[in-house]
Amino acid sequence: MDASPAKIFEALGDPVRRYILELLASNEQPAGAIVAAVQQFTTISQPGVSQHLKVLRDAGLVMTQADGTRRLYTLDSSGVEAARAWLTRLTDPLAQFAQPLDALATEIARGKRTRRKHAPDAASDDQARHA
């Protein structure tokens, strides 16, 4: 689904949806178990819980799969990662440059290795000329 930060954080704005995500954080759950757990948390109908699950699915925070007549829900790691990445940009605005800087460091190290590899040959040539 669409794991855009706007949809994700809109979905996270509701305490029932956040509770559903907490339920799914440990492992996948059938829809019936989610409904029962949410109904212990707050007074809500089964269709109300289903609507919350749909909003979470549309935001890319949960996935569903059919298991016979049951629907199993689990966290969608791509949606959770999109939320984490957006929050990280707020707290660490330079994080977006980390990968290019890592690549630059790799190229610098590669250049140093190449120079070291060829340096002994140059030193032995200098020694041979002075001998």
N, C-alpha and C. Protein backbone atom coordinates (compact mmCIF):
# COMPACT_ATOMS: atom_id res chain seq x y z
N MET A 1 0.83 -1.19 0.00
CA MET A 1 0.00 0.00 0.00
C MET A 1 0.87 1.25 0.00
N ASP A 2 0.24 2.39 0.19
CA ASP A 2 0.93 3.67 0.19
C ASP A 2 1.49 3.94 1.57
N ALA A 3 2.80 3.85 1.70
CA ALA A 3 3.45 4.07 3.00
C ALA A 3 3.97 5.51 3.07
N SER A 4 3.14 6.48 2.68
CA SER A 4 3.57 7.87 2.75
C SER A 4 3.48 8.34 4.20
N PRO A 5 4.41 9.19 4.60
CA PRO A 5 4.38 9.69 5.98
C PRO A 5 3.06 10.34 6.35
N ALA A 6 2.42 11.06 5.43
CA ALA A 6 1.15 11.72 5.74
C ALA A 6 0.09 10.69 6.14
N LYS A 7 -0.04 9.64 5.34
CA LYS A 7 -1.04 8.61 5.65
C LYS A 7 -0.67 7.85 6.92
N ILE A 8 0.60 7.57 7.08
CA ILE A 8 1.06 6.82 8.25
C ILE A 8 0.74 7.58 9.53
N PHE A 9 1.12 8.85 9.57
CA PHE A 9 0.92 9.60 10.80
C PHE A 9 -0.54 9.96 11.03
N GLU A 10 -1.30 10.07 9.96
CA GLU A 10 -2.75 10.25 10.12
C GLU A 10 -3.34 9.00 10.76
N ALA A 11 -2.90 7.84 10.32
CA ALA A 11 -3.39 6.58 10.90
C ALA A 11 -2.96 6.45 12.35
N LEU A 12 -1.75 6.90 12.66
CA LEU A 12 -1.24 6.79 14.03
C LEU A 12 -1.89 7.79 14.99
N GLY A 13 -2.65 8.71 14.46
CA GLY A 13 -3.30 9.72 15.29
C GLY A 13 -4.40 9.17 16.18
N ASP A 14 -4.85 7.97 15.93
CA ASP A 14 -5.95 7.40 16.71
C ASP A 14 -5.40 6.40 17.72
N PRO A 15 -5.80 6.50 19.00
CA PRO A 15 -5.27 5.58 20.02
C PRO A 15 -5.67 4.12 19.79
N VAL A 16 -6.82 3.88 19.19
CA VAL A 16 -7.22 2.49 18.91
C VAL A 16 -6.28 1.88 17.89
N ARG A 17 -5.92 2.63 16.88
CA ARG A 17 -5.01 2.12 15.85
C ARG A 17 -3.62 1.88 16.43
N ARG A 18 -3.18 2.79 17.28
CA ARG A 18 -1.88 2.57 17.93
C ARG A 18 -1.91 1.30 18.78
N TYR A 19 -3.02 1.06 19.46
CA TYR A 19 -3.16 -0.14 20.27
C TYR A 19 -3.12 -1.39 19.40
N ILE A 20 -3.78 -1.33 18.26
CA ILE A 20 -3.76 -2.47 17.33
C ILE A 20 -2.32 -2.76 16.89
N LEU A 21 -1.56 -1.71 16.59
CA LEU A 21 -0.17 -1.90 16.19
C LEU A 21 0.64 -2.53 17.32
N GLU A 22 0.36 -2.12 18.56
CA GLU A 22 1.05 -2.73 19.70
C GLU A 22 0.70 -4.21 19.81
N LEU A 23 -0.54 -4.56 19.53
CA LEU A 23 -0.94 -5.98 19.55
C LEU A 23 -0.18 -6.78 18.49
N LEU A 24 0.03 -6.16 17.35
CA LEU A 24 0.68 -6.86 16.24
C LEU A 24 2.20 -6.83 16.33
N ALA A 25 2.74 -6.05 17.24
CA ALA A 25 4.20 -5.92 17.33
C ALA A 25 4.85 -7.25 17.72
N SER A 26 4.18 -8.07 18.51
CA SER A 26 4.79 -9.32 18.96
C SER A 26 4.66 -10.43 17.92
N ASN A 27 3.50 -10.51 17.26
CA ASN A 27 3.31 -11.55 16.23
C ASN A 27 2.00 -11.29 15.49
N GLU A 28 1.80 -12.05 14.41
CA GLU A 28 0.58 -11.88 13.65
C GLU A 28 -0.62 -12.34 14.47
N GLN A 29 -1.76 -11.74 14.18
CA GLN A 29 -2.98 -12.02 14.93
C GLN A 29 -4.15 -12.20 13.96
N PRO A 30 -5.06 -13.12 14.28
CA PRO A 30 -6.28 -13.20 13.48
C PRO A 30 -7.18 -12.02 13.82
N ALA A 31 -8.02 -11.65 12.86
CA ALA A 31 -8.91 -10.50 13.05
C ALA A 31 -9.77 -10.65 14.30
N GLY A 32 -10.27 -11.86 14.56
CA GLY A 32 -11.12 -12.07 15.73
C GLY A 32 -10.41 -11.77 17.04
N ALA A 33 -9.14 -12.15 17.13
CA ALA A 33 -8.36 -11.89 18.35
C ALA A 33 -8.11 -10.39 18.50
N ILE A 34 -7.90 -9.70 17.40
CA ILE A 34 -7.70 -8.25 17.45
C ILE A 34 -8.97 -7.57 17.94
N VAL A 35 -10.09 -7.98 17.37
CA VAL A 35 -11.37 -7.41 17.78
C VAL A 35 -11.60 -7.62 19.27
N ALA A 36 -11.38 -8.86 19.76
CA ALA A 36 -11.59 -9.16 21.18
C ALA A 36 -10.68 -8.32 22.07
N ALA A 37 -9.41 -8.18 21.68
CA ALA A 37 -8.47 -7.41 22.48
C ALA A 37 -8.83 -5.92 22.49
N VAL A 38 -9.22 -5.39 21.35
CA VAL A 38 -9.59 -3.98 21.27
C VAL A 38 -10.86 -3.72 22.07
N GLN A 39 -11.80 -4.67 22.04
CA GLN A 39 -13.04 -4.50 22.79
C GLN A 39 -12.79 -4.52 24.30
N GLN A 40 -11.71 -5.14 24.74
CA GLN A 40 -11.34 -5.06 26.15
C GLN A 40 -10.72 -3.70 26.47
N PHE A 41 -10.13 -3.09 25.48
CA PHE A 41 -9.47 -1.79 25.63
C PHE A 41 -10.49 -0.65 25.60
N THR A 42 -11.50 -0.77 24.75
CA THR A 42 -12.50 0.28 24.58
C THR A 42 -13.80 -0.33 24.06
N THR A 43 -14.88 0.39 24.21
CA THR A 43 -16.16 -0.11 23.69
C THR A 43 -16.24 0.26 22.22
N ILE A 44 -16.14 -0.74 21.38
CA ILE A 44 -16.16 -0.55 19.92
C ILE A 44 -16.75 -1.80 19.30
N SER A 45 -17.44 -1.63 18.20
CA SER A 45 -18.05 -2.77 17.51
C SER A 45 -17.03 -3.47 16.61
N GLN A 46 -17.36 -4.66 16.19
CA GLN A 46 -16.49 -5.39 15.26
C GLN A 46 -16.31 -4.62 13.96
N PRO A 47 -17.39 -4.04 13.37
CA PRO A 47 -17.18 -3.24 12.16
C PRO A 47 -16.28 -2.02 12.41
N GLY A 48 -16.33 -1.47 13.62
CA GLY A 48 -15.46 -0.34 13.94
C GLY A 48 -13.99 -0.76 13.93
N VAL A 49 -13.71 -1.93 14.50
CA VAL A 49 -12.33 -2.43 14.50
C VAL A 49 -11.89 -2.73 13.06
N SER A 50 -12.79 -3.30 12.28
CA SER A 50 -12.48 -3.59 10.88
C SER A 50 -12.13 -2.31 10.12
N GLN A 51 -12.84 -1.23 10.42
CA GLN A 51 -12.54 0.05 9.77
C GLN A 51 -11.15 0.54 10.17
N HIS A 52 -10.79 0.41 11.44
CA HIS A 52 -9.45 0.80 11.88
C HIS A 52 -8.38 -0.05 11.18
N LEU A 53 -8.64 -1.34 11.03
CA LEU A 53 -7.69 -2.21 10.34
C LEU A 53 -7.54 -1.80 8.87
N LYS A 54 -8.64 -1.39 8.25
CA LYS A 54 -8.58 -0.94 6.86
C LYS A 54 -7.73 0.33 6.75
N VAL A 55 -7.90 1.27 7.67
CA VAL A 55 -7.09 2.49 7.64
C VAL A 55 -5.62 2.15 7.79
N LEU A 56 -5.30 1.21 8.69
CA LEU A 56 -3.90 0.80 8.89
C LEU A 56 -3.34 0.12 7.64
N ARG A 57 -4.17 -0.70 6.99
CA ARG A 57 -3.75 -1.35 5.74
C ARG A 57 -3.50 -0.31 4.66
N ASP A 58 -4.43 0.63 4.50
CA ASP A 58 -4.30 1.66 3.47
C ASP A 58 -3.08 2.56 3.70
N ALA A 59 -2.71 2.73 4.96
CA ALA A 59 -1.53 3.54 5.28
C ALA A 59 -0.23 2.76 5.10
N GLY A 60 -0.34 1.45 4.90
CA GLY A 60 0.86 0.63 4.72
C GLY A 60 1.49 0.19 6.03
N LEU A 61 0.73 0.22 7.11
CA LEU A 61 1.28 -0.18 8.41
C LEU A 61 1.01 -1.63 8.77
N VAL A 62 -0.03 -2.23 8.19
CA VAL A 62 -0.30 -3.64 8.43
C VAL A 62 -0.58 -4.34 7.10
N MET A 63 -0.36 -5.64 7.11
CA MET A 63 -0.65 -6.49 5.95
C MET A 63 -1.62 -7.55 6.42
N THR A 64 -2.36 -8.10 5.49
CA THR A 64 -3.29 -9.17 5.81
C THR A 64 -3.10 -10.31 4.83
N GLN A 65 -3.36 -11.50 5.33
CA GLN A 65 -3.35 -12.67 4.46
C GLN A 65 -4.48 -13.60 4.89
N ALA A 66 -5.04 -14.28 3.93
CA ALA A 66 -6.14 -15.20 4.21
C ALA A 66 -5.57 -16.54 4.67
N ASP A 67 -6.19 -17.10 5.69
CA ASP A 67 -5.85 -18.43 6.19
C ASP A 67 -7.16 -19.18 6.34
N GLY A 68 -7.61 -19.79 5.25
CA GLY A 68 -8.94 -20.40 5.25
C GLY A 68 -9.98 -19.29 5.32
N THR A 69 -10.82 -19.34 6.34
CA THR A 69 -11.84 -18.31 6.50
C THR A 69 -11.37 -17.16 7.39
N ARG A 70 -10.18 -17.31 7.95
CA ARG A 70 -9.65 -16.26 8.84
C ARG A 70 -8.77 -15.29 8.08
N ARG A 71 -8.67 -14.10 8.61
CA ARG A 71 -7.72 -13.09 8.11
C ARG A 71 -6.67 -12.87 9.18
N LEU A 72 -5.42 -13.03 8.78
CA LEU A 72 -4.31 -12.82 9.70
C LEU A 72 -3.67 -11.48 9.41
N TYR A 73 -3.45 -10.70 10.45
CA TYR A 73 -2.84 -9.38 10.32
C TYR A 73 -1.45 -9.40 10.93
N THR A 74 -0.55 -8.67 10.29
CA THR A 74 0.81 -8.52 10.77
C THR A 74 1.30 -7.12 10.44
N LEU A 75 2.31 -6.67 11.16
CA LEU A 75 2.90 -5.37 10.86
C LEU A 75 3.55 -5.40 9.48
N ASP A 76 3.45 -4.31 8.77
CA ASP A 76 4.13 -4.16 7.48
C ASP A 76 5.42 -3.39 7.76
N SER A 77 6.54 -4.06 7.68
CA SER A 77 7.81 -3.44 8.04
C SER A 77 8.16 -2.25 7.15
N SER A 78 7.68 -2.23 5.91
CA SER A 78 7.99 -1.09 5.04
C SER A 78 7.31 0.18 5.54
N GLY A 79 6.08 0.06 6.03
CA GLY A 79 5.40 1.23 6.58
C GLY A 79 6.04 1.72 7.86
N VAL A 80 6.42 0.77 8.71
CA VAL A 80 7.09 1.13 9.96
C VAL A 80 8.44 1.79 9.65
N GLU A 81 9.14 1.27 8.67
CA GLU A 81 10.43 1.84 8.27
C GLU A 81 10.25 3.24 7.69
N ALA A 82 9.20 3.47 6.93
CA ALA A 82 8.94 4.80 6.36
C ALA A 82 8.70 5.81 7.49
N ALA A 83 7.96 5.40 8.51
CA ALA A 83 7.72 6.30 9.65
C ALA A 83 9.03 6.58 10.39
N ARG A 84 9.82 5.53 10.61
CA ARG A 84 11.09 5.69 11.30
C ARG A 84 12.03 6.61 10.53
N ALA A 85 12.09 6.43 9.22
CA ALA A 85 12.97 7.25 8.38
C ALA A 85 12.55 8.72 8.42
N TRP A 86 11.25 8.96 8.39
CA TRP A 86 10.76 10.35 8.44
C TRP A 86 11.13 10.99 9.77
N LEU A 87 10.94 10.26 10.86
CA LEU A 87 11.28 10.79 12.18
C LEU A 87 12.80 10.99 12.32
N THR A 88 13.58 10.10 11.74
CA THR A 88 15.03 10.22 11.80
C THR A 88 15.49 11.49 11.10
N ARG A 89 14.84 11.82 9.97
CA ARG A 89 15.20 13.06 9.27
C ARG A 89 14.97 14.28 10.14
N LEU A 90 13.98 14.21 11.04
CA LEU A 90 13.72 15.33 11.94
C LEU A 90 14.81 15.45 13.00
N THR A 91 15.21 14.32 13.53
CA THR A 91 16.18 14.34 14.63
C THR A 91 17.62 14.35 14.15
N ASP A 92 17.87 13.85 12.94
CA ASP A 92 19.23 13.80 12.41
C ASP A 92 19.20 14.22 10.95
N PRO A 93 19.13 15.53 10.70
CA PRO A 93 18.99 15.99 9.31
C PRO A 93 20.17 15.62 8.41
N LEU A 94 21.30 15.28 8.98
CA LEU A 94 22.46 14.90 8.16
C LEU A 94 22.47 13.41 7.82
N ALA A 95 21.53 12.64 8.36
CA ALA A 95 21.50 11.20 8.11
C ALA A 95 21.38 10.88 6.62
N GLN A 96 20.70 11.74 5.86
CA GLN A 96 20.54 11.48 4.43
C GLN A 96 21.86 11.48 3.69
N PHE A 97 22.89 12.08 4.28
CA PHE A 97 24.20 12.12 3.65
C PHE A 97 25.10 10.97 4.08
N ALA A 98 24.63 10.15 5.00
CA ALA A 98 25.47 9.07 5.54
C ALA A 98 25.92 8.10 4.46
N GLN A 99 25.02 7.63 3.64
CA GLN A 99 25.39 6.65 2.62
C GLN A 99 26.37 7.23 1.60
N PRO A 100 26.12 8.43 1.04
CA PRO A 100 27.12 8.97 0.11
C PRO A 100 28.48 9.16 0.78
N LEU A 101 28.50 9.55 2.04
CA LEU A 101 29.78 9.70 2.73
C LEU A 101 30.44 8.35 2.96
N ASP A 102 29.64 7.32 3.23
CA ASP A 102 30.20 5.97 3.35
C ASP A 102 30.83 5.54 2.03
N ALA A 103 30.14 5.85 0.92
CA ALA A 103 30.68 5.50 -0.39
C ALA A 103 31.98 6.25 -0.66
N LEU A 104 32.03 7.52 -0.27
CA LEU A 104 33.26 8.30 -0.44
C LEU A 104 34.39 7.69 0.39
N ALA A 105 34.09 7.29 1.62
CA ALA A 105 35.11 6.68 2.48
C ALA A 105 35.64 5.38 1.85
N THR A 106 34.75 4.61 1.23
CA THR A 106 35.16 3.38 0.56
C THR A 106 36.10 3.68 -0.60
N GLU A 107 35.77 4.70 -1.38
CA GLU A 107 36.62 5.07 -2.52
C GLU A 107 37.98 5.59 -2.05
N ILE A 108 38.00 6.34 -0.97
CA ILE A 108 39.27 6.83 -0.43
C ILE A 108 40.13 5.66 0.03
N ALA A 109 39.50 4.71 0.74
CA ALA A 109 40.24 3.53 1.21
C ALA A 109 40.75 2.71 0.03
N ARG A 110 39.96 2.60 -1.02
CA ARG A 110 40.38 1.85 -2.22
C ARG A 110 41.58 2.54 -2.86
N GLY A 111 41.55 3.87 -2.93
CA GLY A 111 42.68 4.61 -3.49
C GLY A 111 43.94 4.43 -2.66
N LYS A 112 43.81 4.43 -1.34
CA LYS A 112 44.97 4.22 -0.46
C LYS A 112 45.55 2.83 -0.67
N ARG A 113 44.68 1.81 -0.78
CA ARG A 113 45.17 0.45 -1.01
C ARG A 113 45.91 0.36 -2.33
N THR A 114 45.37 1.00 -3.35
CA THR A 114 46.01 0.98 -4.67
C THR A 114 47.38 1.64 -4.60
N ARG A 115 47.46 2.80 -3.92
CA ARG A 115 48.75 3.49 -3.81
C ARG A 115 49.74 2.65 -3.01
N ARG A 116 49.29 2.00 -1.95
CA ARG A 116 50.20 1.15 -1.15
C ARG A 116 50.67 -0.03 -1.96
N LYS A 117 49.78 -0.59 -2.75
CA LYS A 117 50.13 -1.75 -3.56
C LYS A 117 51.20 -1.39 -4.58
N HIS A 118 51.10 -0.22 -5.14
CA HIS A 118 52.07 0.19 -6.16
C HIS A 118 53.28 0.88 -5.56
N ALA A 119 53.21 1.32 -4.33
CA ALA A 119 54.32 2.02 -3.68
C ALA A 119 55.55 1.14 -3.52
N PRO A 120 55.47 -0.13 -3.11
CA PRO A 120 56.68 -0.95 -2.99
C PRO A 120 57.38 -1.13 -4.33
N ASP A 121 56.63 -1.20 -5.42
CA ASP A 121 57.26 -1.32 -6.74
C ASP A 121 58.07 -0.08 -7.05
N ALA A 122 57.53 1.09 -6.72
CA ALA A 122 58.25 2.34 -6.97
C ALA A 122 59.48 2.41 -6.08
N ALA A 123 59.38 1.96 -4.85
CA ALA A 123 60.52 2.00 -3.93
C ALA A 123 61.61 1.05 -4.42
N SER A 124 61.26 -0.13 -4.92
CA SER A 124 62.27 -1.07 -5.40
C SER A 124 62.91 -0.55 -6.68
N ASP A 125 62.16 0.20 -7.51
CA ASP A 125 62.74 0.80 -8.70
C ASP A 125 63.76 1.86 -8.31
N ASP A 126 63.44 2.66 -7.29
CA ASP A 126 64.38 3.70 -6.81
C ASP A 126 65.64 3.04 -6.26
N GLN A 127 65.49 1.94 -5.53
CA GLN A 127 66.64 1.24 -4.96
C GLN A 127 67.51 0.66 -6.06
N ALA A 128 66.88 0.14 -7.11
CA ALA A 128 67.64 -0.46 -8.20
C ALA A 128 68.42 0.62 -8.94
N ARG A 129 67.88 1.82 -9.09
CA ARG A 129 68.58 2.90 -9.77
C ARG A 129 69.79 3.38 -8.96
N HIS A 130 69.67 3.36 -7.65
CA HIS A 130 70.78 3.85 -6.79
C HIS A 130 71.84 2.80 -6.55
N ALA A 131 71.61 1.58 -6.91
CA ALA A 131 72.57 0.52 -6.65
C ALA A 131 73.67 0.43 -7.65
